[in-house]
Amino acid sequence: MTPTQAAATTSPPSAAAPSEQGSRARRGSRRGRGADLKLLAASPSALISSLWLVVLVLIAAVVPIFVTDAANHQDLALRFLPPFSLDDGFAFVLGADSLGRPILLQLIVGARTSLVVAACTVAISAVVGFAIGVVSGFFGGWVDTVLMRLADILHTVPSLLLALAVLYVLQPSITNLVLVLAVTRIPVYLRTARAQTLELRERVFVESSRSIGASSWRIMAKDITPMVTPTVRTLAMLEVANVILAAASLSFLGIGLQRPDVDWGMMVADGRSYLNVAWWVTVFPGLAIVATALAANLLSNWLRAIEDPTQRGFFVKPARRTRVSRRASDRPAIEKGTRS
């Protein structure tokens, strides 16, 4: 066979190799997602938390489109209507507030506002903090020193105090609230991303990328970012709970959102003066805050556990582990019998 024929014979496999590798990567990604779903089903707390958050997001995204006007409608004849009664319609099943507005519809509209504030705040702070942390940790030197000193200054100021000062000067609105909370949460992601980048930049695969001529920005995008993303994703889920609590605290103090915007913290603040005569005005939005924050915390703990190989096995069902260990213990006896 001539060299030309040999090259022609071997060229199709090399041309098909990238597509075959891509299909293998896609199959591996699908298997990874399927395995994570099985692990989620094996953890009751994480499963319930994820279901609560999914249902809450769907309700907050769809229902307020149709009930916003009804939620803000005032009827003094229904003032402090007790809960758990359908005489005035399903909208008043959780009672009414001091102006006769339905608590259930107020909760749904407030859920949309609270989740929008939390999602936007976490997205902005995570992206900015992640990018700055990776750049700071990878390059080091004076860039790292300047960025970390700025982060230290921002981190020393209490986030709630800074938000109070800024929102007192500016007009309280969703945009200002998101920006203030996002700025105060950036150092959390910056420190985490920087710490991991400092360790990853000394790894062998980074040195291999440098040796083949890859630029620093390509190494950060292709090698560093995928390794840091799981940790930042877990941290972001935890920060959802922190942001919801921070936004509710600001609204409770009267510095956060103002009417006609409504969130859960504002509802708690509206009912605190009537807690002795109308407990439901405060208790139901308070329970919504606690349930959502708890669900986000439990889900973040689950995400952290499945990323840790030493803890991932705890989500495997005990019966499955018993069968696997029994098969492993029986294998030497079977092999011994076969040899004899």
C-alpha atoms as a PDB file:
ATOM      1  CA  MET A   1       0.000   0.000   0.000  1.00  0.00           C
ATOM      2  CA  THR A   2       1.400   3.410  -0.952  1.00  0.00           C
ATOM      3  CA  PRO A   3       1.708   6.245   1.594  1.00  0.00           C
ATOM      4  CA  THR A   4      -1.041   8.171  -0.214  1.00  0.00           C
ATOM      5  CA  GLN A   5      -3.426   5.215   0.077  1.00  0.00           C
ATOM      6  CA  ALA A   6      -2.511   4.747   3.726  1.00  0.00           C
ATOM      7  CA  ALA A   7      -3.242   8.417   4.452  1.00  0.00           C
ATOM      8  CA  ALA A   8      -6.533   8.177   2.605  1.00  0.00           C
ATOM      9  CA  THR A   9      -7.425   5.073   4.589  1.00  0.00           C
ATOM     10  CA  THR A  10      -6.672   6.639   7.972  1.00  0.00           C
ATOM     11  CA  SER A  11      -8.188  10.088   7.304  1.00  0.00           C
ATOM     12  CA  PRO A  12     -11.897   9.215   7.843  1.00  0.00           C
ATOM     13  CA  PRO A  13     -11.421   7.984  11.449  1.00  0.00           C
ATOM     14  CA  SER A  14      -9.465  11.127  12.375  1.00  0.00           C
ATOM     15  CA  ALA A  15     -12.162  13.309  10.820  1.00  0.00           C
ATOM     16  CA  ALA A  16     -14.868  11.439  12.691  1.00  0.00           C
ATOM     17  CA  ALA A  17     -12.995  11.569  15.998  1.00  0.00           C
ATOM     18  CA  PRO A  18     -14.167  15.060  17.106  1.00  0.00           C
ATOM     19  CA  SER A  19     -17.805  14.257  16.446  1.00  0.00           C
ATOM     20  CA  GLU A  20     -17.459  10.947  18.296  1.00  0.00           C
ATOM     21  CA  GLN A  21     -15.832  12.701  21.243  1.00  0.00           C
ATOM     22  CA  GLY A  22     -18.571  15.332  21.223  1.00  0.00           C
ATOM     23  CA  SER A  23     -21.284  12.667  21.265  1.00  0.00           C
ATOM     24  CA  ARG A  24     -19.525  10.886  24.132  1.00  0.00           C
ATOM     25  CA  ALA A  25     -19.347  14.165  26.064  1.00  0.00           C
ATOM     26  CA  ARG A  26     -23.050  14.786  25.508  1.00  0.00           C
ATOM     27  CA  ARG A  27     -23.913  11.253  26.642  1.00  0.00           C
ATOM     28  CA  GLY A  28     -21.744  11.716  29.723  1.00  0.00           C
ATOM     29  CA  SER A  29     -23.452  15.023  30.482  1.00  0.00           C
ATOM     30  CA  ARG A  30     -26.885  13.396  30.192  1.00  0.00           C
ATOM     31  CA  ARG A  31     -25.800  10.545  32.453  1.00  0.00           C
ATOM     32  CA  GLY A  32     -24.469  13.079  34.965  1.00  0.00           C
ATOM     33  CA  ARG A  33     -27.755  14.965  35.046  1.00  0.00           C
ATOM     34  CA  GLY A  34     -29.674  11.715  35.407  1.00  0.00           C
ATOM     35  CA  ALA A  35     -27.444  10.633  38.293  1.00  0.00           C
ATOM     36  CA  ASP A  36     -27.957  13.989  40.030  1.00  0.00           C
ATOM     37  CA  LEU A  37     -31.737  13.625  39.694  1.00  0.00           C
ATOM     38  CA  LYS A  38     -31.532  10.157  41.264  1.00  0.00           C
ATOM     39  CA  LEU A  39     -29.472  11.573  44.117  1.00  0.00           C
ATOM     40  CA  LEU A  40     -32.036  14.353  44.536  1.00  0.00           C
ATOM     41  CA  ALA A  41     -34.833  11.782  44.764  1.00  0.00           C
ATOM     42  CA  ALA A  42     -32.814   9.911  47.411  1.00  0.00           C
ATOM     43  CA  SER A  43     -32.645  13.007  49.639  1.00  0.00           C
ATOM     44  CA  PRO A  44     -36.128  13.864  51.006  1.00  0.00           C
ATOM     45  CA  SER A  45     -35.132  17.264  52.385  1.00  0.00           C
ATOM     46  CA  ALA A  46     -33.494  18.378  49.138  1.00  0.00           C
ATOM     47  CA  LEU A  47     -36.384  17.002  47.076  1.00  0.00           C
ATOM     48  CA  ILE A  48     -39.024  18.810  49.145  1.00  0.00           C
ATOM     49  CA  SER A  49     -36.963  22.003  49.078  1.00  0.00           C
ATOM     50  CA  SER A  50     -36.549  21.917  45.305  1.00  0.00           C
ATOM     51  CA  LEU A  51     -40.256  21.198  44.790  1.00  0.00           C
ATOM     52  CA  TRP A  52     -41.196  24.110  47.046  1.00  0.00           C
ATOM     53  CA  LEU A  53     -38.889  26.487  45.169  1.00  0.00           C
ATOM     54  CA  VAL A  54     -40.064  25.310  41.740  1.00  0.00           C
ATOM     55  CA  VAL A  55     -43.744  25.644  42.663  1.00  0.00           C
ATOM     56  CA  LEU A  56     -43.103  29.035  44.248  1.00  0.00           C
ATOM     57  CA  VAL A  57     -41.294  30.311  41.147  1.00  0.00           C
ATOM     58  CA  LEU A  58     -44.068  29.094  38.837  1.00  0.00           C
ATOM     59  CA  ILE A  59     -46.788  30.676  40.970  1.00  0.00           C
ATOM     60  CA  ALA A  60     -44.863  33.940  41.323  1.00  0.00           C
ATOM     61  CA  ALA A  61     -44.235  34.090  37.575  1.00  0.00           C
ATOM     62  CA  VAL A  62     -47.783  33.409  36.358  1.00  0.00           C
ATOM     63  CA  VAL A  63     -50.431  34.212  38.971  1.00  0.00           C
ATOM     64  CA  PRO A  64     -49.576  37.904  39.656  1.00  0.00           C
ATOM     65  CA  ILE A  65     -50.373  38.716  36.025  1.00  0.00           C
ATOM     66  CA  PHE A  66     -54.041  38.071  36.792  1.00  0.00           C
ATOM     67  CA  VAL A  67     -54.424  39.019  40.479  1.00  0.00           C
ATOM     68  CA  THR A  68     -52.342  42.180  41.028  1.00  0.00           C
ATOM     69  CA  ASP A  69     -55.360  44.502  40.948  1.00  0.00           C
ATOM     70  CA  ALA A  70     -57.385  42.200  43.197  1.00  0.00           C
ATOM     71  CA  ALA A  71     -54.478  41.968  45.650  1.00  0.00           C
ATOM     72  CA  ASN A  72     -54.368  45.763  46.046  1.00  0.00           C
ATOM     73  CA  HIS A  73     -58.152  46.230  46.189  1.00  0.00           C
ATOM     74  CA  GLN A  74     -59.254  47.661  49.544  1.00  0.00           C
ATOM     75  CA  ASP A  75     -62.520  46.721  51.230  1.00  0.00           C
ATOM     76  CA  LEU A  76     -62.874  48.053  54.766  1.00  0.00           C
ATOM     77  CA  ALA A  77     -65.930  45.869  55.305  1.00  0.00           C
ATOM     78  CA  LEU A  78     -63.545  42.873  55.269  1.00  0.00           C
ATOM     79  CA  ARG A  79     -60.990  44.486  57.584  1.00  0.00           C
ATOM     80  CA  PHE A  80     -59.135  41.846  59.636  1.00  0.00           C
ATOM     81  CA  LEU A  81     -61.241  39.045  58.186  1.00  0.00           C
ATOM     82  CA  PRO A  82     -60.159  35.827  59.981  1.00  0.00           C
ATOM     83  CA  PRO A  83     -58.486  33.081  57.938  1.00  0.00           C
ATOM     84  CA  PHE A  84     -59.670  29.595  56.940  1.00  0.00           C
ATOM     85  CA  SER A  85     -63.086  30.695  55.707  1.00  0.00           C
ATOM     86  CA  LEU A  86     -64.409  30.515  52.132  1.00  0.00           C
ATOM     87  CA  ASP A  87     -67.500  32.657  52.707  1.00  0.00           C
ATOM     88  CA  ASP A  88     -65.939  35.621  50.878  1.00  0.00           C
ATOM     89  CA  GLY A  89     -64.134  33.572  48.232  1.00  0.00           C
ATOM     90  CA  PHE A  90     -60.942  31.561  47.976  1.00  0.00           C
ATOM     91  CA  ALA A  91     -58.850  34.751  47.792  1.00  0.00           C
ATOM     92  CA  PHE A  92     -59.639  35.386  51.484  1.00  0.00           C
ATOM     93  CA  VAL A  93     -58.837  31.866  52.698  1.00  0.00           C
ATOM     94  CA  LEU A  94     -55.858  33.294  54.636  1.00  0.00           C
ATOM     95  CA  GLY A  95     -57.815  36.298  55.878  1.00  0.00           C
ATOM     96  CA  ALA A  96     -57.481  40.020  55.176  1.00  0.00           C
ATOM     97  CA  ASP A  97     -55.245  42.822  56.432  1.00  0.00           C
ATOM     98  CA  SER A  98     -56.059  46.161  58.043  1.00  0.00           C
ATOM     99  CA  LEU A  99     -57.414  47.576  54.756  1.00  0.00           C
ATOM    100  CA  GLY A 100     -59.378  44.498  53.732  1.00  0.00           C
ATOM    101  CA  ARG A 101     -56.838  43.255  51.181  1.00  0.00           C
ATOM    102  CA  PRO A 102     -56.605  39.458  50.746  1.00  0.00           C
ATOM    103  CA  ILE A 103     -53.526  38.004  52.422  1.00  0.00           C
ATOM    104  CA  LEU A 104     -53.242  35.112  49.934  1.00  0.00           C
ATOM    105  CA  LEU A 105     -53.056  37.366  46.887  1.00  0.00           C
ATOM    106  CA  GLN A 106     -50.698  39.722  48.706  1.00  0.00           C
ATOM    107  CA  LEU A 107     -48.424  36.753  49.429  1.00  0.00           C
ATOM    108  CA  ILE A 108     -48.378  35.741  45.767  1.00  0.00           C
ATOM    109  CA  VAL A 109     -47.598  39.256  44.536  1.00  0.00           C
ATOM    110  CA  GLY A 110     -45.008  39.658  47.290  1.00  0.00           C
ATOM    111  CA  ALA A 111     -43.415  36.355  46.274  1.00  0.00           C
ATOM    112  CA  ARG A 112     -42.790  37.709  42.785  1.00  0.00           C
ATOM    113  CA  THR A 113     -41.120  40.840  44.169  1.00  0.00           C
ATOM    114  CA  SER A 114     -39.019  38.945  46.719  1.00  0.00           C
ATOM    115  CA  LEU A 115     -37.849  36.355  44.186  1.00  0.00           C
ATOM    116  CA  VAL A 116     -37.050  38.972  41.533  1.00  0.00           C
ATOM    117  CA  VAL A 117     -34.951  40.931  44.024  1.00  0.00           C
ATOM    118  CA  ALA A 118     -33.166  37.767  45.193  1.00  0.00           C
ATOM    119  CA  ALA A 119     -32.538  36.401  41.685  1.00  0.00           C
ATOM    120  CA  CYS A 120     -31.246  39.689  40.251  1.00  0.00           C
ATOM    121  CA  THR A 121     -29.071  40.387  43.285  1.00  0.00           C
ATOM    122  CA  VAL A 122     -27.506  36.925  43.275  1.00  0.00           C
ATOM    123  CA  ALA A 123     -26.972  36.973  39.494  1.00  0.00           C
ATOM    124  CA  ILE A 124     -25.216  40.357  39.486  1.00  0.00           C
ATOM    125  CA  SER A 125     -23.069  39.727  42.552  1.00  0.00           C
ATOM    126  CA  ALA A 126     -22.147  36.184  41.455  1.00  0.00           C
ATOM    127  CA  VAL A 127     -21.088  37.177  37.931  1.00  0.00           C
ATOM    128  CA  VAL A 128     -19.092  40.226  39.038  1.00  0.00           C
ATOM    129  CA  GLY A 129     -17.516  38.561  42.072  1.00  0.00           C
ATOM    130  CA  PHE A 130     -16.742  35.376  40.127  1.00  0.00           C
ATOM    131  CA  ALA A 131     -15.022  37.260  37.298  1.00  0.00           C
ATOM    132  CA  ILE A 132     -12.991  39.521  39.592  1.00  0.00           C
ATOM    133  CA  GLY A 133     -12.004  36.608  41.833  1.00  0.00           C
ATOM    134  CA  VAL A 134     -10.749  34.458  38.951  1.00  0.00           C
ATOM    135  CA  VAL A 135      -8.764  37.333  37.424  1.00  0.00           C
ATOM    136  CA  SER A 136      -7.317  38.331  40.795  1.00  0.00           C
ATOM    137  CA  GLY A 137      -6.315  34.803  41.730  1.00  0.00           C
ATOM    138  CA  PHE A 138      -4.867  33.927  38.325  1.00  0.00           C
ATOM    139  CA  PHE A 139      -2.685  36.981  37.716  1.00  0.00           C
ATOM    140  CA  GLY A 140      -1.722  37.780  41.309  1.00  0.00           C
ATOM    141  CA  GLY A 141       0.726  40.619  41.867  1.00  0.00           C
ATOM    142  CA  TRP A 142      -0.495  44.194  42.192  1.00  0.00           C
ATOM    143  CA  VAL A 143      -3.804  43.332  40.504  1.00  0.00           C
ATOM    144  CA  ASP A 144      -4.594  40.845  43.249  1.00  0.00           C
ATOM    145  CA  THR A 145      -3.449  43.253  45.964  1.00  0.00           C
ATOM    146  CA  VAL A 146      -5.592  46.168  44.757  1.00  0.00           C
ATOM    147  CA  LEU A 147      -8.721  44.077  44.201  1.00  0.00           C
ATOM    148  CA  MET A 148      -8.453  42.295  47.534  1.00  0.00           C
ATOM    149  CA  ARG A 149      -7.915  45.552  49.458  1.00  0.00           C
ATOM    150  CA  LEU A 150     -11.072  46.967  47.871  1.00  0.00           C
ATOM    151  CA  ALA A 151     -12.920  43.776  48.792  1.00  0.00           C
ATOM    152  CA  ASP A 152     -11.621  44.008  52.371  1.00  0.00           C
ATOM    153  CA  ILE A 153     -12.838  47.600  52.688  1.00  0.00           C
ATOM    154  CA  LEU A 154     -16.261  46.663  51.356  1.00  0.00           C
ATOM    155  CA  HIS A 155     -16.409  43.572  53.555  1.00  0.00           C
ATOM    156  CA  THR A 156     -15.638  45.484  56.761  1.00  0.00           C
ATOM    157  CA  VAL A 157     -18.734  47.672  56.352  1.00  0.00           C
ATOM    158  CA  PRO A 158     -21.882  45.871  57.616  1.00  0.00           C
ATOM    159  CA  SER A 159     -24.033  45.145  54.584  1.00  0.00           C
ATOM    160  CA  LEU A 160     -27.296  46.066  56.298  1.00  0.00           C
ATOM    161  CA  LEU A 161     -25.867  49.376  57.552  1.00  0.00           C
ATOM    162  CA  LEU A 162     -24.541  50.248  54.092  1.00  0.00           C
ATOM    163  CA  ALA A 163     -27.885  49.386  52.507  1.00  0.00           C
ATOM    164  CA  LEU A 164     -29.699  51.542  55.072  1.00  0.00           C
ATOM    165  CA  ALA A 165     -27.444  54.523  54.356  1.00  0.00           C
ATOM    166  CA  VAL A 166     -27.662  54.249  50.572  1.00  0.00           C
ATOM    167  CA  LEU A 167     -31.422  53.642  50.439  1.00  0.00           C
ATOM    168  CA  TYR A 168     -31.987  56.519  52.861  1.00  0.00           C
ATOM    169  CA  VAL A 169     -30.235  58.873  50.417  1.00  0.00           C
ATOM    170  CA  LEU A 170     -31.675  57.349  47.249  1.00  0.00           C
ATOM    171  CA  GLN A 171     -35.322  56.720  46.518  1.00  0.00           C
ATOM    172  CA  PRO A 172     -36.318  53.203  47.632  1.00  0.00           C
ATOM    173  CA  SER A 173     -37.083  51.096  44.567  1.00  0.00           C
ATOM    174  CA  ILE A 174     -36.498  47.587  43.275  1.00  0.00           C
ATOM    175  CA  THR A 175     -33.556  48.741  41.136  1.00  0.00           C
ATOM    176  CA  ASN A 176     -31.795  50.570  43.970  1.00  0.00           C
ATOM    177  CA  LEU A 177     -32.441  47.700  46.369  1.00  0.00           C
ATOM    178  CA  VAL A 178     -30.966  45.161  43.941  1.00  0.00           C
ATOM    179  CA  LEU A 179     -27.878  47.274  43.247  1.00  0.00           C
ATOM    180  CA  VAL A 180     -27.177  47.945  46.927  1.00  0.00           C
ATOM    181  CA  LEU A 181     -27.582  44.309  47.949  1.00  0.00           C
ATOM    182  CA  ALA A 182     -25.542  43.109  44.955  1.00  0.00           C
ATOM    183  CA  VAL A 183     -22.602  45.371  45.797  1.00  0.00           C
ATOM    184  CA  THR A 184     -22.554  44.195  49.411  1.00  0.00           C
ATOM    185  CA  ARG A 185     -22.527  40.505  48.355  1.00  0.00           C
ATOM    186  CA  ILE A 186     -19.717  40.728  45.769  1.00  0.00           C
ATOM    187  CA  PRO A 187     -16.857  40.039  48.262  1.00  0.00           C
ATOM    188  CA  VAL A 188     -18.418  36.689  49.177  1.00  0.00           C
ATOM    189  CA  TYR A 189     -18.038  35.352  45.629  1.00  0.00           C
ATOM    190  CA  LEU A 190     -14.752  37.177  45.044  1.00  0.00           C
ATOM    191  CA  ARG A 191     -12.998  35.508  47.965  1.00  0.00           C
ATOM    192  CA  THR A 192     -14.322  32.051  47.080  1.00  0.00           C
ATOM    193  CA  ALA A 193     -13.376  32.266  43.393  1.00  0.00           C
ATOM    194  CA  ARG A 194      -9.949  33.714  44.192  1.00  0.00           C
ATOM    195  CA  ALA A 195      -9.119  31.005  46.737  1.00  0.00           C
ATOM    196  CA  GLN A 196      -9.920  28.221  44.288  1.00  0.00           C
ATOM    197  CA  THR A 197      -8.118  29.922  41.407  1.00  0.00           C
ATOM    198  CA  LEU A 198      -4.944  30.284  43.474  1.00  0.00           C
ATOM    199  CA  GLU A 199      -4.928  26.513  43.937  1.00  0.00           C
ATOM    200  CA  LEU A 200      -5.991  25.588  40.408  1.00  0.00           C
ATOM    201  CA  ARG A 201      -3.457  27.752  38.575  1.00  0.00           C
ATOM    202  CA  GLU A 202      -0.654  25.490  39.866  1.00  0.00           C
ATOM    203  CA  ARG A 203      -2.267  22.303  38.572  1.00  0.00           C
ATOM    204  CA  VAL A 204      -0.708  20.203  35.818  1.00  0.00           C
ATOM    205  CA  PHE A 205      -3.508  20.781  33.305  1.00  0.00           C
ATOM    206  CA  VAL A 206      -2.985  24.556  33.536  1.00  0.00           C
ATOM    207  CA  GLU A 207       0.741  24.129  32.941  1.00  0.00           C
ATOM    208  CA  SER A 208      -0.059  21.880  29.973  1.00  0.00           C
ATOM    209  CA  SER A 209      -2.299  24.559  28.483  1.00  0.00           C
ATOM    210  CA  ARG A 210       0.474  27.116  28.897  1.00  0.00           C
ATOM    211  CA  SER A 211       2.989  24.799  27.250  1.00  0.00           C
ATOM    212  CA  ILE A 212       0.886  24.503  24.079  1.00  0.00           C
ATOM    213  CA  GLY A 213       0.581  28.281  23.796  1.00  0.00           C
ATOM    214  CA  ALA A 214      -2.860  28.950  25.302  1.00  0.00           C
ATOM    215  CA  SER A 215      -3.376  32.542  26.423  1.00  0.00           C
ATOM    216  CA  SER A 216      -4.149  33.455  30.012  1.00  0.00           C
ATOM    217  CA  TRP A 217      -7.721  34.463  29.165  1.00  0.00           C
ATOM    218  CA  ARG A 218      -8.319  31.173  27.360  1.00  0.00           C
ATOM    219  CA  ILE A 219      -6.975  29.216  30.330  1.00  0.00           C
ATOM    220  CA  MET A 220      -9.262  31.116  32.690  1.00  0.00           C
ATOM    221  CA  ALA A 221     -12.274  30.567  30.427  1.00  0.00           C
ATOM    222  CA  LYS A 222     -11.684  26.928  29.468  1.00  0.00           C
ATOM    223  CA  ASP A 223      -9.776  25.447  32.413  1.00  0.00           C
ATOM    224  CA  ILE A 224     -10.351  27.520  35.552  1.00  0.00           C
ATOM    225  CA  THR A 225     -13.989  28.585  35.152  1.00  0.00           C
ATOM    226  CA  PRO A 226     -15.505  25.057  34.832  1.00  0.00           C
ATOM    227  CA  MET A 227     -13.668  23.972  37.987  1.00  0.00           C
ATOM    228  CA  VAL A 228     -14.805  26.951  40.081  1.00  0.00           C
ATOM    229  CA  THR A 229     -18.403  27.065  38.833  1.00  0.00           C
ATOM    230  CA  PRO A 230     -19.815  24.232  41.043  1.00  0.00           C
ATOM    231  CA  THR A 231     -18.634  25.936  44.230  1.00  0.00           C
ATOM    232  CA  VAL A 232     -20.011  29.311  43.152  1.00  0.00           C
ATOM    233  CA  ARG A 233     -23.302  27.658  42.178  1.00  0.00           C
ATOM    234  CA  THR A 234     -23.652  26.185  45.662  1.00  0.00           C
ATOM    235  CA  LEU A 235     -22.765  29.518  47.233  1.00  0.00           C
ATOM    236  CA  ALA A 236     -25.312  31.308  45.032  1.00  0.00           C
ATOM    237  CA  MET A 237     -28.114  29.052  46.247  1.00  0.00           C
ATOM    238  CA  LEU A 238     -27.146  29.831  49.836  1.00  0.00           C
ATOM    239  CA  GLU A 239     -27.044  33.543  49.040  1.00  0.00           C
ATOM    240  CA  VAL A 240     -30.634  33.405  47.769  1.00  0.00           C
ATOM    241  CA  ALA A 241     -31.733  32.793  51.348  1.00  0.00           C
ATOM    242  CA  ASN A 242     -29.484  35.549  52.695  1.00  0.00           C
ATOM    243  CA  VAL A 243     -30.728  38.093  50.161  1.00  0.00           C
ATOM    244  CA  ILE A 244     -34.384  37.265  50.847  1.00  0.00           C
ATOM    245  CA  LEU A 245     -33.782  37.796  54.565  1.00  0.00           C
ATOM    246  CA  ALA A 246     -31.843  41.029  53.946  1.00  0.00           C
ATOM    247  CA  ALA A 247     -34.530  42.467  51.657  1.00  0.00           C
ATOM    248  CA  ALA A 248     -37.249  41.514  54.135  1.00  0.00           C
ATOM    249  CA  SER A 249     -35.294  43.176  56.954  1.00  0.00           C
ATOM    250  CA  LEU A 250     -34.961  46.424  55.008  1.00  0.00           C
ATOM    251  CA  SER A 251     -38.661  46.445  54.168  1.00  0.00           C
ATOM    252  CA  PHE A 252     -39.515  45.674  57.784  1.00  0.00           C
ATOM    253  CA  LEU A 253     -37.470  48.695  58.885  1.00  0.00           C
ATOM    254  CA  GLY A 254     -39.276  50.897  56.360  1.00  0.00           C
ATOM    255  CA  ILE A 255     -36.186  51.562  54.206  1.00  0.00           C
ATOM    256  CA  GLY A 256     -36.867  48.919  51.562  1.00  0.00           C
ATOM    257  CA  LEU A 257     -39.676  48.813  49.047  1.00  0.00           C
ATOM    258  CA  GLN A 258     -42.666  51.110  49.346  1.00  0.00           C
ATOM    259  CA  ARG A 259     -46.261  50.828  48.177  1.00  0.00           C
ATOM    260  CA  PRO A 260     -47.593  50.033  45.602  1.00  0.00           C
ATOM    261  CA  ASP A 261     -44.722  47.509  45.465  1.00  0.00           C
ATOM    262  CA  VAL A 262     -45.140  44.797  48.055  1.00  0.00           C
ATOM    263  CA  ASP A 263     -42.877  42.083  49.408  1.00  0.00           C
ATOM    264  CA  TRP A 264     -43.017  39.710  52.342  1.00  0.00           C
ATOM    265  CA  GLY A 265     -40.998  41.959  54.651  1.00  0.00           C
ATOM    266  CA  MET A 266     -43.407  44.836  54.084  1.00  0.00           C
ATOM    267  CA  MET A 267     -46.354  42.567  54.888  1.00  0.00           C
ATOM    268  CA  VAL A 268     -44.735  41.565  58.180  1.00  0.00           C
ATOM    269  CA  ALA A 269     -44.147  45.236  58.993  1.00  0.00           C
ATOM    270  CA  ASP A 270     -47.756  46.153  58.178  1.00  0.00           C
ATOM    271  CA  GLY A 271     -49.129  43.584  60.610  1.00  0.00           C
ATOM    272  CA  ARG A 272     -46.769  43.996  63.558  1.00  0.00           C
ATOM    273  CA  SER A 273     -49.003  46.640  65.168  1.00  0.00           C
ATOM    274  CA  TYR A 274     -52.008  44.301  65.040  1.00  0.00           C
ATOM    275  CA  LEU A 275     -50.306  41.100  66.174  1.00  0.00           C
ATOM    276  CA  ASN A 276     -52.589  40.728  69.209  1.00  0.00           C
ATOM    277  CA  VAL A 277     -55.838  41.089  67.247  1.00  0.00           C
ATOM    278  CA  ALA A 278     -54.880  39.826  63.765  1.00  0.00           C
ATOM    279  CA  TRP A 279     -51.928  37.449  63.995  1.00  0.00           C
ATOM    280  CA  TRP A 280     -52.432  36.135  60.455  1.00  0.00           C
ATOM    281  CA  VAL A 281     -51.375  39.435  58.872  1.00  0.00           C
ATOM    282  CA  THR A 282     -47.828  38.878  60.171  1.00  0.00           C
ATOM    283  CA  VAL A 283     -47.566  35.115  60.629  1.00  0.00           C
ATOM    284  CA  PHE A 284     -48.311  33.979  57.063  1.00  0.00           C
ATOM    285  CA  PRO A 285     -45.723  36.203  55.313  1.00  0.00           C
ATOM    286  CA  GLY A 286     -43.267  35.342  58.088  1.00  0.00           C
ATOM    287  CA  LEU A 287     -43.799  31.643  57.429  1.00  0.00           C
ATOM    288  CA  ALA A 288     -43.259  32.235  53.699  1.00  0.00           C
ATOM    289  CA  ILE A 289     -39.916  33.917  54.412  1.00  0.00           C
ATOM    290  CA  VAL A 290     -38.807  31.123  56.751  1.00  0.00           C
ATOM    291  CA  ALA A 291     -39.911  28.330  54.391  1.00  0.00           C
ATOM    292  CA  THR A 292     -38.181  29.840  51.353  1.00  0.00           C
ATOM    293  CA  ALA A 293     -34.958  30.629  53.208  1.00  0.00           C
ATOM    294  CA  LEU A 294     -34.901  27.139  54.744  1.00  0.00           C
ATOM    295  CA  ALA A 295     -35.506  25.496  51.361  1.00  0.00           C
ATOM    296  CA  ALA A 296     -32.658  27.453  49.780  1.00  0.00           C
ATOM    297  CA  ASN A 297     -30.330  26.508  52.651  1.00  0.00           C
ATOM    298  CA  LEU A 298     -31.188  22.809  52.466  1.00  0.00           C
ATOM    299  CA  LEU A 299     -30.777  22.757  48.694  1.00  0.00           C
ATOM    300  CA  SER A 300     -27.405  24.501  48.921  1.00  0.00           C
ATOM    301  CA  ASN A 301     -26.256  21.909  51.476  1.00  0.00           C
ATOM    302  CA  TRP A 302     -27.309  19.142  49.093  1.00  0.00           C
ATOM    303  CA  LEU A 303     -25.448  20.758  46.187  1.00  0.00           C
ATOM    304  CA  ARG A 304     -22.329  21.025  48.328  1.00  0.00           C
ATOM    305  CA  ALA A 305     -22.632  17.386  49.390  1.00  0.00           C
ATOM    306  CA  ILE A 306     -22.977  15.931  45.889  1.00  0.00           C
ATOM    307  CA  GLU A 307     -19.927  17.903  44.748  1.00  0.00           C
ATOM    308  CA  ASP A 308     -17.888  16.239  47.513  1.00  0.00           C
ATOM    309  CA  PRO A 309     -16.970  12.631  46.597  1.00  0.00           C
ATOM    310  CA  THR A 310     -16.688  11.695  50.285  1.00  0.00           C
ATOM    311  CA  GLN A 311     -20.299  12.762  50.975  1.00  0.00           C
ATOM    312  CA  ARG A 312     -21.919  11.803  47.678  1.00  0.00           C
ATOM    313  CA  GLY A 313     -22.276   8.169  48.770  1.00  0.00           C
ATOM    314  CA  PHE A 314     -24.586   9.082  51.648  1.00  0.00           C
ATOM    315  CA  PHE A 315     -27.391   9.740  49.135  1.00  0.00           C
ATOM    316  CA  VAL A 316     -27.233   6.165  47.808  1.00  0.00           C
ATOM    317  CA  LYS A 317     -30.017   4.017  49.220  1.00  0.00           C
ATOM    318  CA  PRO A 318     -28.813   1.674  52.008  1.00  0.00           C
ATOM    319  CA  ALA A 319     -30.351  -1.377  50.320  1.00  0.00           C
ATOM    320  CA  ARG A 320     -28.376  -0.682  47.192  1.00  0.00           C
ATOM    321  CA  ARG A 321     -25.160  -0.313  49.152  1.00  0.00           C
ATOM    322  CA  THR A 322     -25.913  -3.608  50.945  1.00  0.00           C
ATOM    323  CA  ARG A 323     -26.478  -5.475  47.692  1.00  0.00           C
ATOM    324  CA  VAL A 324     -23.317  -4.024  46.182  1.00  0.00           C
ATOM    325  CA  SER A 325     -21.211  -4.904  49.236  1.00  0.00           C
ATOM    326  CA  ARG A 326     -22.728  -8.409  49.362  1.00  0.00           C
ATOM    327  CA  ARG A 327     -21.859  -9.004  45.732  1.00  0.00           C
ATOM    328  CA  ALA A 328     -18.333  -7.760  46.365  1.00  0.00           C
ATOM    329  CA  SER A 329     -17.934 -10.089  49.361  1.00  0.00           C
ATOM    330  CA  ASP A 330     -19.319 -13.088  47.450  1.00  0.00           C
ATOM    331  CA  ARG A 331     -17.032 -12.551  44.457  1.00  0.00           C
ATOM    332  CA  PRO A 332     -13.855 -14.050  46.053  1.00  0.00           C
ATOM    333  CA  ALA A 333     -15.781 -17.166  47.100  1.00  0.00           C
ATOM    334  CA  ILE A 334     -17.167 -17.609  43.586  1.00  0.00           C
ATOM    335  CA  GLU A 335     -13.727 -17.133  42.040  1.00  0.00           C
ATOM    336  CA  LYS A 336     -12.252 -19.644  44.509  1.00  0.00           C
ATOM    337  CA  GLY A 337     -14.895 -22.220  43.647  1.00  0.00           C
ATOM    338  CA  THR A 338     -14.312 -21.681  39.941  1.00  0.00           C
ATOM    339  CA  ARG A 339     -10.571 -22.186  40.282  1.00  0.00           C
ATOM    340  CA  SER A 340     -11.032 -25.382  42.293  1.00  0.00           C
END
